[in-house]
N, C-alpha and C. Protein backbone atom coordinates (compact mmCIF):
# COMPACT_ATOMS: atom_id res chain seq x y z
N MET A 1 31.41 -20.00 -21.00
CA MET A 1 32.37 -19.96 -19.91
C MET A 1 33.73 -20.49 -20.33
N LYS A 2 33.74 -21.51 -21.20
CA LYS A 2 35.01 -22.05 -21.70
C LYS A 2 35.76 -20.98 -22.49
N LYS A 3 35.01 -20.10 -23.20
CA LYS A 3 35.64 -19.03 -23.95
C LYS A 3 36.33 -18.05 -23.02
N ILE A 4 35.72 -17.79 -21.85
CA ILE A 4 36.32 -16.89 -20.86
C ILE A 4 37.64 -17.44 -20.38
N VAL A 5 37.69 -18.77 -20.10
CA VAL A 5 38.93 -19.41 -19.65
C VAL A 5 40.00 -19.30 -20.73
N ALA A 6 39.61 -19.56 -22.00
CA ALA A 6 40.57 -19.50 -23.09
C ALA A 6 41.13 -18.09 -23.23
N ILE A 7 40.26 -17.08 -23.14
CA ILE A 7 40.72 -15.69 -23.25
C ILE A 7 41.65 -15.34 -22.10
N ALA A 8 41.27 -15.78 -20.87
CA ALA A 8 42.10 -15.49 -19.70
C ALA A 8 43.46 -16.16 -19.81
N THR A 9 43.50 -17.39 -20.33
CA THR A 9 44.77 -18.10 -20.49
C THR A 9 45.67 -17.38 -21.48
N VAL A 10 45.10 -16.97 -22.61
CA VAL A 10 45.88 -16.23 -23.61
C VAL A 10 46.39 -14.92 -23.03
N ALA A 11 45.54 -14.25 -22.23
CA ALA A 11 45.94 -12.98 -21.62
C ALA A 11 47.11 -13.17 -20.67
N ILE A 12 47.07 -14.26 -19.87
CA ILE A 12 48.15 -14.53 -18.93
C ILE A 12 49.46 -14.76 -19.67
N LEU A 13 49.41 -15.57 -20.73
CA LEU A 13 50.61 -15.85 -21.50
C LEU A 13 51.13 -14.58 -22.18
N SER A 14 50.23 -13.74 -22.65
CA SER A 14 50.62 -12.50 -23.31
C SER A 14 51.30 -11.54 -22.34
N VAL A 15 50.70 -11.43 -21.13
CA VAL A 15 51.31 -10.57 -20.11
C VAL A 15 52.71 -11.05 -19.76
N GLY A 16 52.83 -12.36 -19.65
CA GLY A 16 54.14 -12.92 -19.32
C GLY A 16 55.17 -12.64 -20.40
N GLN A 17 54.79 -12.78 -21.67
CA GLN A 17 55.72 -12.54 -22.77
C GLN A 17 56.08 -11.06 -22.84
N ALA A 18 55.12 -10.19 -22.50
CA ALA A 18 55.36 -8.75 -22.59
C ALA A 18 56.24 -8.25 -21.45
N SER A 19 56.39 -9.06 -20.42
CA SER A 19 57.19 -8.63 -19.25
C SER A 19 58.66 -8.92 -19.51
N ALA A 20 59.33 -8.01 -20.17
CA ALA A 20 60.73 -8.22 -20.47
C ALA A 20 61.58 -8.06 -19.21
N GLN A 21 61.07 -7.26 -18.25
CA GLN A 21 61.81 -7.09 -17.01
C GLN A 21 61.71 -8.38 -16.21
N GLU A 22 62.85 -8.91 -15.84
CA GLU A 22 62.84 -10.17 -15.11
C GLU A 22 63.64 -10.00 -13.83
N GLY A 23 63.16 -9.19 -12.94
CA GLY A 23 63.82 -8.97 -11.68
C GLY A 23 63.46 -10.03 -10.67
N SER A 24 63.97 -9.87 -9.45
CA SER A 24 63.74 -10.86 -8.41
C SER A 24 62.27 -10.91 -8.01
N PHE A 25 61.57 -9.76 -8.10
CA PHE A 25 60.15 -9.76 -7.75
C PHE A 25 59.35 -10.59 -8.74
N LEU A 26 59.54 -10.35 -10.04
CA LEU A 26 58.77 -11.06 -11.05
C LEU A 26 59.04 -12.56 -11.03
N SER A 27 60.23 -12.94 -10.65
CA SER A 27 60.56 -14.37 -10.61
C SER A 27 59.79 -15.11 -9.53
N LYS A 28 59.17 -14.36 -8.61
CA LYS A 28 58.40 -14.98 -7.53
C LYS A 28 56.89 -14.89 -7.76
N VAL A 29 56.49 -14.31 -8.89
CA VAL A 29 55.07 -14.10 -9.18
C VAL A 29 54.58 -15.05 -10.26
N ARG A 30 53.46 -15.72 -9.98
CA ARG A 30 52.79 -16.56 -10.97
C ARG A 30 51.36 -16.10 -11.14
N LEU A 31 50.93 -15.99 -12.41
CA LEU A 31 49.53 -15.75 -12.72
C LEU A 31 48.87 -17.07 -13.09
N GLU A 32 47.57 -17.20 -12.83
CA GLU A 32 46.90 -18.47 -13.11
C GLU A 32 45.48 -18.25 -13.62
N ALA A 33 45.01 -19.20 -14.41
CA ALA A 33 43.62 -19.23 -14.87
C ALA A 33 43.15 -20.67 -14.79
N ALA A 34 41.92 -20.87 -14.31
CA ALA A 34 41.42 -22.24 -14.12
C ALA A 34 39.92 -22.30 -14.41
N TYR A 35 39.47 -23.51 -14.68
CA TYR A 35 38.06 -23.77 -14.99
C TYR A 35 37.69 -25.13 -14.42
N GLY A 36 36.44 -25.26 -13.94
CA GLY A 36 36.09 -26.58 -13.43
C GLY A 36 34.72 -26.69 -12.80
N TYR A 37 34.61 -27.66 -11.90
CA TYR A 37 33.34 -28.15 -11.36
C TYR A 37 33.06 -27.55 -9.99
N ASN A 38 31.81 -27.22 -9.74
CA ASN A 38 31.38 -26.77 -8.41
C ASN A 38 30.21 -27.63 -7.93
N MET A 39 30.28 -28.05 -6.67
CA MET A 39 29.25 -28.91 -6.09
C MET A 39 28.72 -28.30 -4.80
N ALA A 40 27.40 -28.15 -4.73
CA ALA A 40 26.75 -27.62 -3.53
C ALA A 40 26.81 -28.64 -2.39
N LEU A 41 27.03 -28.15 -1.17
CA LEU A 41 27.02 -29.02 0.03
C LEU A 41 25.88 -28.63 0.96
N SER A 42 25.93 -27.42 1.50
CA SER A 42 24.86 -26.97 2.40
C SER A 42 24.59 -25.48 2.18
N PRO A 43 23.36 -25.03 2.35
CA PRO A 43 22.18 -25.77 2.81
C PRO A 43 21.69 -26.76 1.74
N ASP A 44 20.97 -27.77 2.19
CA ASP A 44 20.54 -28.85 1.30
C ASP A 44 19.05 -28.73 0.96
N ASN A 45 18.60 -27.50 0.66
CA ASN A 45 17.19 -27.30 0.31
C ASN A 45 16.91 -27.61 -1.16
N VAL A 46 17.90 -28.16 -1.85
CA VAL A 46 17.74 -28.56 -3.25
C VAL A 46 18.68 -29.73 -3.49
N GLU A 47 18.33 -30.62 -4.42
CA GLU A 47 19.20 -31.75 -4.73
C GLU A 47 20.54 -31.25 -5.28
N ARG A 48 21.64 -31.70 -4.67
CA ARG A 48 22.96 -31.22 -5.07
C ARG A 48 23.24 -31.42 -6.55
N ALA A 49 22.90 -32.59 -7.04
CA ALA A 49 23.19 -32.92 -8.44
C ALA A 49 22.41 -32.03 -9.41
N ASP A 50 21.28 -31.48 -8.97
CA ASP A 50 20.45 -30.67 -9.84
C ASP A 50 21.06 -29.30 -10.12
N VAL A 51 21.92 -28.80 -9.22
CA VAL A 51 22.45 -27.44 -9.38
C VAL A 51 23.97 -27.40 -9.56
N SER A 52 24.64 -28.52 -9.40
CA SER A 52 26.10 -28.57 -9.52
C SER A 52 26.50 -28.79 -10.97
N GLY A 53 27.73 -28.38 -11.32
CA GLY A 53 28.19 -28.58 -12.69
C GLY A 53 29.48 -27.86 -12.98
N LEU A 54 29.88 -27.87 -14.26
CA LEU A 54 31.12 -27.23 -14.72
C LEU A 54 30.86 -25.74 -14.95
N ASN A 55 30.83 -24.99 -13.85
CA ASN A 55 30.43 -23.59 -13.94
C ASN A 55 31.28 -22.67 -13.07
N THR A 56 32.58 -22.96 -12.95
CA THR A 56 33.47 -22.08 -12.19
C THR A 56 34.66 -21.66 -13.05
N VAL A 57 34.92 -20.36 -13.07
CA VAL A 57 36.12 -19.78 -13.67
C VAL A 57 36.89 -19.06 -12.58
N GLN A 58 38.21 -19.26 -12.55
CA GLN A 58 39.01 -18.62 -11.50
C GLN A 58 40.27 -18.00 -12.09
N LEU A 59 40.60 -16.78 -11.68
CA LEU A 59 41.83 -16.10 -12.05
C LEU A 59 42.57 -15.76 -10.77
N GLY A 60 43.90 -15.85 -10.80
CA GLY A 60 44.63 -15.58 -9.57
C GLY A 60 46.07 -15.17 -9.80
N ALA A 61 46.70 -14.71 -8.72
CA ALA A 61 48.11 -14.37 -8.71
C ALA A 61 48.74 -14.90 -7.43
N ASN A 62 49.94 -15.48 -7.56
CA ASN A 62 50.66 -16.06 -6.43
C ASN A 62 52.01 -15.36 -6.27
N TYR A 63 52.39 -15.07 -5.03
CA TYR A 63 53.73 -14.53 -4.75
C TYR A 63 54.42 -15.46 -3.77
N GLN A 64 55.55 -16.02 -4.17
CA GLN A 64 56.29 -16.98 -3.34
C GLN A 64 57.28 -16.23 -2.46
N ILE A 65 57.01 -16.15 -1.16
CA ILE A 65 57.86 -15.41 -0.23
C ILE A 65 59.20 -16.12 -0.04
N ASN A 66 59.14 -17.43 0.18
CA ASN A 66 60.36 -18.25 0.29
C ASN A 66 60.02 -19.65 -0.22
N ASN A 67 60.89 -20.63 0.05
CA ASN A 67 60.67 -21.98 -0.48
C ASN A 67 59.40 -22.64 0.04
N LEU A 68 58.92 -22.19 1.20
CA LEU A 68 57.76 -22.83 1.82
C LEU A 68 56.49 -21.99 1.76
N TRP A 69 56.60 -20.71 2.02
CA TRP A 69 55.42 -19.88 2.20
C TRP A 69 55.20 -18.91 1.05
N GLY A 70 53.92 -18.64 0.79
CA GLY A 70 53.56 -17.67 -0.22
C GLY A 70 52.21 -17.05 0.09
N VAL A 71 51.81 -16.09 -0.72
CA VAL A 71 50.49 -15.48 -0.62
C VAL A 71 49.81 -15.57 -1.98
N ARG A 72 48.48 -15.59 -1.97
CA ARG A 72 47.72 -15.80 -3.20
C ARG A 72 46.43 -15.00 -3.15
N GLY A 73 46.10 -14.36 -4.25
CA GLY A 73 44.84 -13.67 -4.38
C GLY A 73 44.08 -14.23 -5.57
N THR A 74 42.78 -14.50 -5.39
CA THR A 74 42.00 -15.08 -6.49
C THR A 74 40.65 -14.37 -6.64
N TYR A 75 40.19 -14.37 -7.89
CA TYR A 75 38.82 -13.99 -8.21
C TYR A 75 38.16 -15.21 -8.84
N SER A 76 36.98 -15.57 -8.33
CA SER A 76 36.26 -16.73 -8.86
C SER A 76 34.83 -16.33 -9.22
N ASN A 77 34.37 -16.82 -10.35
CA ASN A 77 32.97 -16.69 -10.76
C ASN A 77 32.37 -18.08 -10.80
N THR A 78 31.41 -18.33 -9.92
CA THR A 78 30.80 -19.66 -9.80
C THR A 78 29.28 -19.53 -9.93
N THR A 79 28.70 -20.40 -10.76
CA THR A 79 27.25 -20.40 -10.94
C THR A 79 26.67 -21.76 -10.60
N PHE A 80 25.65 -21.74 -9.74
CA PHE A 80 24.83 -22.92 -9.49
C PHE A 80 23.52 -22.70 -10.24
N LYS A 81 23.22 -23.55 -11.20
CA LYS A 81 21.97 -23.39 -11.96
C LYS A 81 21.27 -24.73 -12.07
N HIS A 82 19.96 -24.69 -11.89
CA HIS A 82 19.16 -25.91 -11.90
C HIS A 82 19.11 -26.49 -13.30
N LYS A 83 19.30 -27.79 -13.38
CA LYS A 83 19.36 -28.45 -14.68
C LYS A 83 18.02 -28.43 -15.42
N ASP A 84 16.92 -28.24 -14.70
CA ASP A 84 15.60 -28.27 -15.32
C ASP A 84 14.94 -26.90 -15.43
N PHE A 85 15.42 -25.91 -14.63
CA PHE A 85 14.76 -24.60 -14.60
C PHE A 85 15.79 -23.49 -14.78
N ASP A 86 15.67 -22.74 -15.87
CA ASP A 86 16.65 -21.70 -16.17
C ASP A 86 16.67 -20.58 -15.14
N ASN A 87 15.54 -20.33 -14.49
CA ASN A 87 15.46 -19.21 -13.54
C ASN A 87 15.69 -19.65 -12.10
N ALA A 88 16.24 -20.82 -11.90
CA ALA A 88 16.55 -21.30 -10.54
C ALA A 88 18.05 -21.47 -10.41
N GLY A 89 18.64 -20.70 -9.50
CA GLY A 89 20.07 -20.80 -9.30
C GLY A 89 20.64 -19.54 -8.68
N VAL A 90 21.96 -19.51 -8.53
CA VAL A 90 22.64 -18.36 -7.93
C VAL A 90 24.04 -18.24 -8.54
N ASN A 91 24.48 -16.99 -8.69
CA ASN A 91 25.82 -16.72 -9.21
C ASN A 91 26.64 -16.05 -8.11
N TYR A 92 27.90 -16.51 -7.95
CA TYR A 92 28.80 -15.94 -6.95
C TYR A 92 30.03 -15.32 -7.62
N ASN A 93 30.39 -14.12 -7.17
CA ASN A 93 31.66 -13.50 -7.52
C ASN A 93 32.46 -13.40 -6.22
N LYS A 94 33.57 -14.12 -6.16
CA LYS A 94 34.30 -14.30 -4.90
C LYS A 94 35.73 -13.76 -5.01
N LEU A 95 36.12 -12.95 -4.03
CA LEU A 95 37.49 -12.45 -3.91
C LEU A 95 38.09 -13.02 -2.63
N THR A 96 39.27 -13.64 -2.75
CA THR A 96 39.86 -14.32 -1.60
C THR A 96 41.37 -14.05 -1.51
N ALA A 97 41.85 -13.81 -0.30
CA ALA A 97 43.28 -13.69 -0.02
C ALA A 97 43.69 -14.89 0.83
N GLU A 98 44.80 -15.55 0.43
CA GLU A 98 45.20 -16.78 1.10
C GLU A 98 46.70 -16.82 1.39
N ALA A 99 47.05 -17.66 2.34
CA ALA A 99 48.43 -18.07 2.55
C ALA A 99 48.61 -19.44 1.89
N THR A 100 49.79 -19.68 1.30
CA THR A 100 50.08 -20.97 0.69
C THR A 100 51.28 -21.60 1.36
N PHE A 101 51.30 -22.93 1.36
CA PHE A 101 52.39 -23.68 2.00
C PHE A 101 52.78 -24.84 1.11
N GLU A 102 54.07 -24.93 0.77
CA GLU A 102 54.57 -25.98 -0.11
C GLU A 102 54.83 -27.26 0.70
N VAL A 103 53.91 -28.20 0.59
CA VAL A 103 53.93 -29.41 1.43
C VAL A 103 55.13 -30.29 1.13
N LEU A 104 55.40 -30.57 -0.14
CA LEU A 104 56.50 -31.48 -0.50
C LEU A 104 57.85 -30.89 -0.16
N GLN A 105 57.99 -29.56 -0.30
CA GLN A 105 59.25 -28.92 0.08
C GLN A 105 59.51 -29.04 1.57
N ALA A 106 58.44 -29.00 2.36
CA ALA A 106 58.59 -29.14 3.81
C ALA A 106 58.99 -30.56 4.19
N ILE A 107 58.49 -31.54 3.43
CA ILE A 107 58.80 -32.94 3.73
C ILE A 107 60.20 -33.30 3.26
N SER A 108 60.53 -32.89 2.02
CA SER A 108 61.83 -33.24 1.44
C SER A 108 62.28 -32.13 0.50
N PRO A 109 63.04 -31.16 1.00
CA PRO A 109 63.46 -30.03 0.17
C PRO A 109 64.28 -30.50 -1.04
N SER A 110 63.82 -30.16 -2.24
CA SER A 110 64.54 -30.53 -3.47
C SER A 110 63.91 -29.82 -4.65
N GLU A 111 64.66 -29.76 -5.77
CA GLU A 111 64.13 -29.21 -7.00
C GLU A 111 63.31 -30.30 -7.69
N SER A 112 62.06 -29.99 -8.00
CA SER A 112 61.20 -30.98 -8.63
C SER A 112 60.19 -30.28 -9.54
N LYS A 113 59.79 -30.98 -10.60
CA LYS A 113 58.77 -30.43 -11.50
C LYS A 113 57.38 -30.53 -10.87
N PHE A 114 57.23 -31.34 -9.84
CA PHE A 114 55.94 -31.53 -9.21
C PHE A 114 55.91 -30.83 -7.85
N GLN A 115 54.89 -30.00 -7.63
CA GLN A 115 54.72 -29.33 -6.34
C GLN A 115 53.32 -29.60 -5.81
N LEU A 116 53.18 -29.48 -4.50
CA LEU A 116 51.88 -29.63 -3.85
C LEU A 116 51.73 -28.51 -2.83
N ALA A 117 50.81 -27.59 -3.11
CA ALA A 117 50.59 -26.44 -2.23
C ALA A 117 49.27 -26.60 -1.47
N ALA A 118 49.33 -26.37 -0.17
CA ALA A 118 48.11 -26.22 0.63
C ALA A 118 47.81 -24.73 0.70
N HIS A 119 46.53 -24.37 0.64
CA HIS A 119 46.19 -22.95 0.69
C HIS A 119 44.95 -22.74 1.55
N THR A 120 44.94 -21.62 2.26
CA THR A 120 43.78 -21.30 3.11
C THR A 120 43.72 -19.80 3.32
N GLY A 121 42.48 -19.28 3.45
CA GLY A 121 42.34 -17.84 3.66
C GLY A 121 40.89 -17.42 3.76
N PHE A 122 40.68 -16.11 3.74
CA PHE A 122 39.36 -15.51 3.90
C PHE A 122 39.06 -14.57 2.74
N GLY A 123 37.77 -14.31 2.52
CA GLY A 123 37.41 -13.42 1.44
C GLY A 123 35.98 -12.94 1.54
N ILE A 124 35.50 -12.42 0.42
CA ILE A 124 34.14 -11.90 0.31
C ILE A 124 33.47 -12.56 -0.88
N ASN A 125 32.23 -12.99 -0.69
CA ASN A 125 31.46 -13.66 -1.75
C ASN A 125 30.20 -12.83 -2.03
N PHE A 126 30.05 -12.41 -3.28
CA PHE A 126 28.89 -11.61 -3.68
C PHE A 126 27.94 -12.50 -4.48
N GLY A 127 26.79 -12.82 -3.89
CA GLY A 127 25.83 -13.71 -4.54
C GLY A 127 24.66 -12.95 -5.13
N LYS A 128 24.15 -13.47 -6.26
CA LYS A 128 22.96 -12.89 -6.87
C LYS A 128 22.06 -14.01 -7.39
N SER A 129 20.81 -13.99 -6.95
CA SER A 129 19.85 -15.02 -7.34
C SER A 129 19.47 -14.91 -8.81
N LYS A 130 19.35 -16.06 -9.47
CA LYS A 130 18.83 -16.09 -10.84
C LYS A 130 17.30 -16.13 -10.84
N ALA A 131 16.72 -16.37 -9.65
CA ALA A 131 15.26 -16.49 -9.55
C ALA A 131 14.56 -15.15 -9.39
N ASN A 132 15.18 -14.24 -8.58
CA ASN A 132 14.48 -12.98 -8.27
C ASN A 132 15.41 -11.79 -8.10
N ASP A 133 16.67 -11.91 -8.51
CA ASP A 133 17.66 -10.83 -8.40
C ASP A 133 18.00 -10.45 -6.96
N GLN A 134 17.60 -11.27 -5.98
CA GLN A 134 18.00 -11.04 -4.59
C GLN A 134 19.52 -11.15 -4.48
N LYS A 135 20.12 -10.28 -3.64
CA LYS A 135 21.56 -10.31 -3.44
C LYS A 135 21.90 -10.93 -2.09
N ASP A 136 23.06 -11.57 -2.03
CA ASP A 136 23.48 -12.27 -0.82
C ASP A 136 24.99 -12.10 -0.67
N ASN A 137 25.40 -11.04 0.03
CA ASN A 137 26.81 -10.74 0.20
C ASN A 137 27.28 -11.24 1.56
N MET A 138 28.41 -11.93 1.57
CA MET A 138 28.85 -12.58 2.81
C MET A 138 30.35 -12.79 2.82
N GLY A 139 30.89 -13.00 4.01
CA GLY A 139 32.29 -13.38 4.14
C GLY A 139 32.44 -14.87 3.92
N ASN A 140 33.66 -15.30 3.62
CA ASN A 140 33.88 -16.73 3.43
C ASN A 140 35.27 -17.14 3.89
N PHE A 141 35.38 -18.42 4.24
CA PHE A 141 36.66 -19.07 4.56
C PHE A 141 36.84 -20.21 3.59
N GLN A 142 38.07 -20.45 3.15
CA GLN A 142 38.29 -21.60 2.27
C GLN A 142 39.64 -22.26 2.56
N ILE A 143 39.72 -23.54 2.19
CA ILE A 143 40.94 -24.32 2.37
C ILE A 143 41.02 -25.33 1.24
N GLY A 144 42.24 -25.58 0.76
CA GLY A 144 42.34 -26.51 -0.36
C GLY A 144 43.75 -27.00 -0.62
N LEU A 145 43.87 -27.85 -1.64
CA LEU A 145 45.15 -28.40 -2.08
C LEU A 145 45.30 -28.16 -3.58
N LYS A 146 46.54 -27.81 -3.99
CA LYS A 146 46.78 -27.52 -5.40
C LYS A 146 48.06 -28.23 -5.86
N PRO A 147 47.95 -29.43 -6.44
CA PRO A 147 49.12 -30.05 -7.05
C PRO A 147 49.41 -29.40 -8.40
N GLN A 148 50.70 -29.17 -8.68
CA GLN A 148 51.08 -28.53 -9.94
C GLN A 148 52.29 -29.24 -10.56
N TYR A 149 52.25 -29.34 -11.89
CA TYR A 149 53.38 -29.90 -12.64
C TYR A 149 53.94 -28.82 -13.55
N SER A 150 55.26 -28.58 -13.47
CA SER A 150 55.92 -27.56 -14.28
C SER A 150 56.32 -28.15 -15.63
N ILE A 151 55.68 -27.67 -16.71
CA ILE A 151 56.02 -28.11 -18.05
C ILE A 151 57.36 -27.52 -18.47
N THR A 152 57.55 -26.23 -18.18
CA THR A 152 58.83 -25.55 -18.38
C THR A 152 59.13 -24.79 -17.09
N ASP A 153 60.21 -23.99 -17.10
CA ASP A 153 60.54 -23.20 -15.92
C ASP A 153 59.47 -22.17 -15.60
N ARG A 154 58.67 -21.80 -16.61
CA ARG A 154 57.71 -20.72 -16.41
C ARG A 154 56.24 -21.16 -16.54
N ILE A 155 55.98 -22.23 -17.23
CA ILE A 155 54.59 -22.66 -17.47
C ILE A 155 54.30 -23.93 -16.70
N GLY A 156 53.17 -23.95 -16.00
CA GLY A 156 52.76 -25.13 -15.26
C GLY A 156 51.28 -25.41 -15.45
N VAL A 157 50.89 -26.65 -15.19
CA VAL A 157 49.47 -27.02 -15.17
C VAL A 157 49.15 -27.53 -13.77
N PHE A 158 47.92 -27.30 -13.32
CA PHE A 158 47.59 -27.66 -11.95
C PHE A 158 46.15 -28.10 -11.81
N LEU A 159 45.91 -28.82 -10.72
CA LEU A 159 44.57 -29.13 -10.24
C LEU A 159 44.37 -28.36 -8.94
N ASP A 160 43.14 -27.98 -8.63
CA ASP A 160 42.90 -27.22 -7.41
C ASP A 160 41.56 -27.65 -6.81
N GLY A 161 41.63 -28.32 -5.67
CA GLY A 161 40.44 -28.74 -4.95
C GLY A 161 40.24 -27.86 -3.72
N THR A 162 39.08 -27.21 -3.60
CA THR A 162 38.87 -26.23 -2.54
C THR A 162 37.51 -26.41 -1.87
N TYR A 163 37.50 -26.31 -0.55
CA TYR A 163 36.27 -26.29 0.24
C TYR A 163 36.01 -24.85 0.64
N ILE A 164 34.83 -24.34 0.34
CA ILE A 164 34.47 -22.95 0.65
C ILE A 164 33.33 -22.94 1.66
N MET A 165 33.47 -22.15 2.72
CA MET A 165 32.42 -22.01 3.73
C MET A 165 31.97 -20.55 3.75
N ASN A 166 30.68 -20.32 3.52
CA ASN A 166 30.10 -18.98 3.53
C ASN A 166 29.48 -18.68 4.90
N PHE A 167 29.77 -17.48 5.42
CA PHE A 167 29.18 -17.06 6.68
C PHE A 167 27.88 -16.29 6.40
N SER A 168 26.84 -16.57 7.14
CA SER A 168 25.56 -15.86 7.03
C SER A 168 25.01 -15.90 5.61
N GLN A 169 24.92 -17.11 5.06
CA GLN A 169 24.34 -17.28 3.73
C GLN A 169 22.82 -17.18 3.84
N ASN A 170 22.20 -16.36 2.99
CA ASN A 170 20.77 -16.07 3.11
C ASN A 170 19.90 -16.84 2.13
N MET A 171 20.48 -17.46 1.11
CA MET A 171 19.65 -18.22 0.17
C MET A 171 20.35 -19.50 -0.25
N GLY A 172 19.53 -20.45 -0.69
CA GLY A 172 20.05 -21.73 -1.12
C GLY A 172 20.58 -21.66 -2.54
N TYR A 173 21.05 -22.80 -3.05
CA TYR A 173 21.68 -22.84 -4.36
C TYR A 173 20.66 -22.86 -5.51
N ASN A 174 19.37 -22.83 -5.14
CA ASN A 174 18.33 -22.63 -6.14
C ASN A 174 17.96 -21.16 -6.29
N GLY A 175 18.66 -20.29 -5.52
CA GLY A 175 18.42 -18.86 -5.59
C GLY A 175 17.28 -18.36 -4.75
N LEU A 176 16.69 -19.21 -3.92
CA LEU A 176 15.55 -18.84 -3.09
C LEU A 176 15.94 -18.79 -1.62
N SER A 177 15.19 -18.00 -0.85
CA SER A 177 15.45 -17.91 0.59
C SER A 177 15.30 -19.28 1.24
N ILE A 178 16.04 -19.48 2.33
CA ILE A 178 16.01 -20.76 3.04
C ILE A 178 14.83 -20.77 4.00
N LEU A 179 13.91 -21.69 3.82
CA LEU A 179 12.71 -21.73 4.64
C LEU A 179 13.05 -21.94 6.11
N GLY A 180 12.47 -21.08 6.95
CA GLY A 180 12.65 -21.23 8.39
C GLY A 180 13.93 -20.64 8.93
N GLU A 181 14.78 -20.06 8.07
CA GLU A 181 16.05 -19.50 8.52
C GLU A 181 16.32 -18.18 7.82
N GLU A 182 16.77 -17.18 8.61
CA GLU A 182 17.17 -15.92 8.00
C GLU A 182 18.53 -16.06 7.34
N SER A 183 19.41 -16.83 7.97
CA SER A 183 20.74 -17.07 7.41
C SER A 183 21.31 -18.35 7.99
N THR A 184 22.31 -18.89 7.31
CA THR A 184 22.95 -20.13 7.77
C THR A 184 24.39 -20.12 7.31
N THR A 185 25.17 -21.09 7.78
CA THR A 185 26.53 -21.29 7.28
C THR A 185 26.45 -22.24 6.10
N GLY A 186 26.76 -21.74 4.93
CA GLY A 186 26.69 -22.56 3.72
C GLY A 186 28.06 -23.04 3.30
N SER A 187 28.08 -24.01 2.40
CA SER A 187 29.37 -24.52 1.92
C SER A 187 29.22 -25.17 0.55
N TYR A 188 30.32 -25.15 -0.19
CA TYR A 188 30.40 -25.86 -1.46
C TYR A 188 31.86 -26.17 -1.76
N VAL A 189 32.09 -27.03 -2.73
CA VAL A 189 33.46 -27.37 -3.12
C VAL A 189 33.63 -27.12 -4.61
N THR A 190 34.89 -26.84 -4.99
CA THR A 190 35.23 -26.71 -6.40
C THR A 190 36.42 -27.61 -6.72
N GLY A 191 36.41 -28.15 -7.92
CA GLY A 191 37.53 -28.93 -8.44
C GLY A 191 37.91 -28.36 -9.79
N LEU A 192 39.09 -27.75 -9.89
CA LEU A 192 39.47 -26.99 -11.07
C LEU A 192 40.74 -27.55 -11.72
N ILE A 193 40.89 -27.28 -13.02
CA ILE A 193 42.13 -27.56 -13.74
C ILE A 193 42.56 -26.25 -14.38
N GLY A 194 43.85 -25.96 -14.34
CA GLY A 194 44.28 -24.66 -14.83
C GLY A 194 45.72 -24.63 -15.31
N VAL A 195 46.12 -23.43 -15.74
CA VAL A 195 47.48 -23.19 -16.22
C VAL A 195 48.04 -22.01 -15.46
N SER A 196 49.34 -22.03 -15.17
CA SER A 196 50.00 -20.92 -14.48
C SER A 196 51.21 -20.46 -15.29
N PHE A 197 51.57 -19.21 -15.11
CA PHE A 197 52.70 -18.62 -15.84
C PHE A 197 53.52 -17.76 -14.90
N LYS A 198 54.82 -18.07 -14.77
CA LYS A 198 55.72 -17.26 -13.95
C LYS A 198 56.21 -16.08 -14.75
N LEU A 199 56.10 -14.87 -14.18
CA LEU A 199 56.42 -13.66 -14.94
C LEU A 199 57.91 -13.50 -15.19
N GLY A 200 58.77 -13.91 -14.24
CA GLY A 200 60.21 -13.77 -14.41
C GLY A 200 60.89 -15.11 -14.52
N GLN A 201 62.19 -15.04 -14.81
CA GLN A 201 62.96 -16.29 -14.93
C GLN A 201 63.23 -16.89 -13.57
């Protein structure tokens, strides 16, 4: 998984370097790649620590509409796998569209290398059990905070903490059906570290 993040990071930087056109649109677009930790919350039919770990890769694109508001699209691959059993767990492929809000700019408008974005939106989560190949496709809502530090005008590093809520989740994080329930509202959190690249000047 670390290799995937490294490849994605190189690809983002390469795309940015190849974009010689630096119009007003590109100057508002940032690509991002991140890697980090995912922790199960509910349902709690398995010990959280047994299935949580450094198993999330995320790729995304941000468009800054103005100084405060923007839109963001992300693809995330998250795996919950049991530390003791290779065939117990679930993999999620998640697509999400979000609105972003620059918190520090709203409090005190100024040019700064440090930004703090709040983000929230809806998406689709495609789950597949590692135990029996059962599929679990569902809608999701998420909300989070993303502090970012700009190393240069175009390259930044960021942290991203996100709470994800799944609607009509049919299996637990061990990849098995939830006893006594056909579906439930599930949730988990991710904590990621990543790099971003602005396409234009």
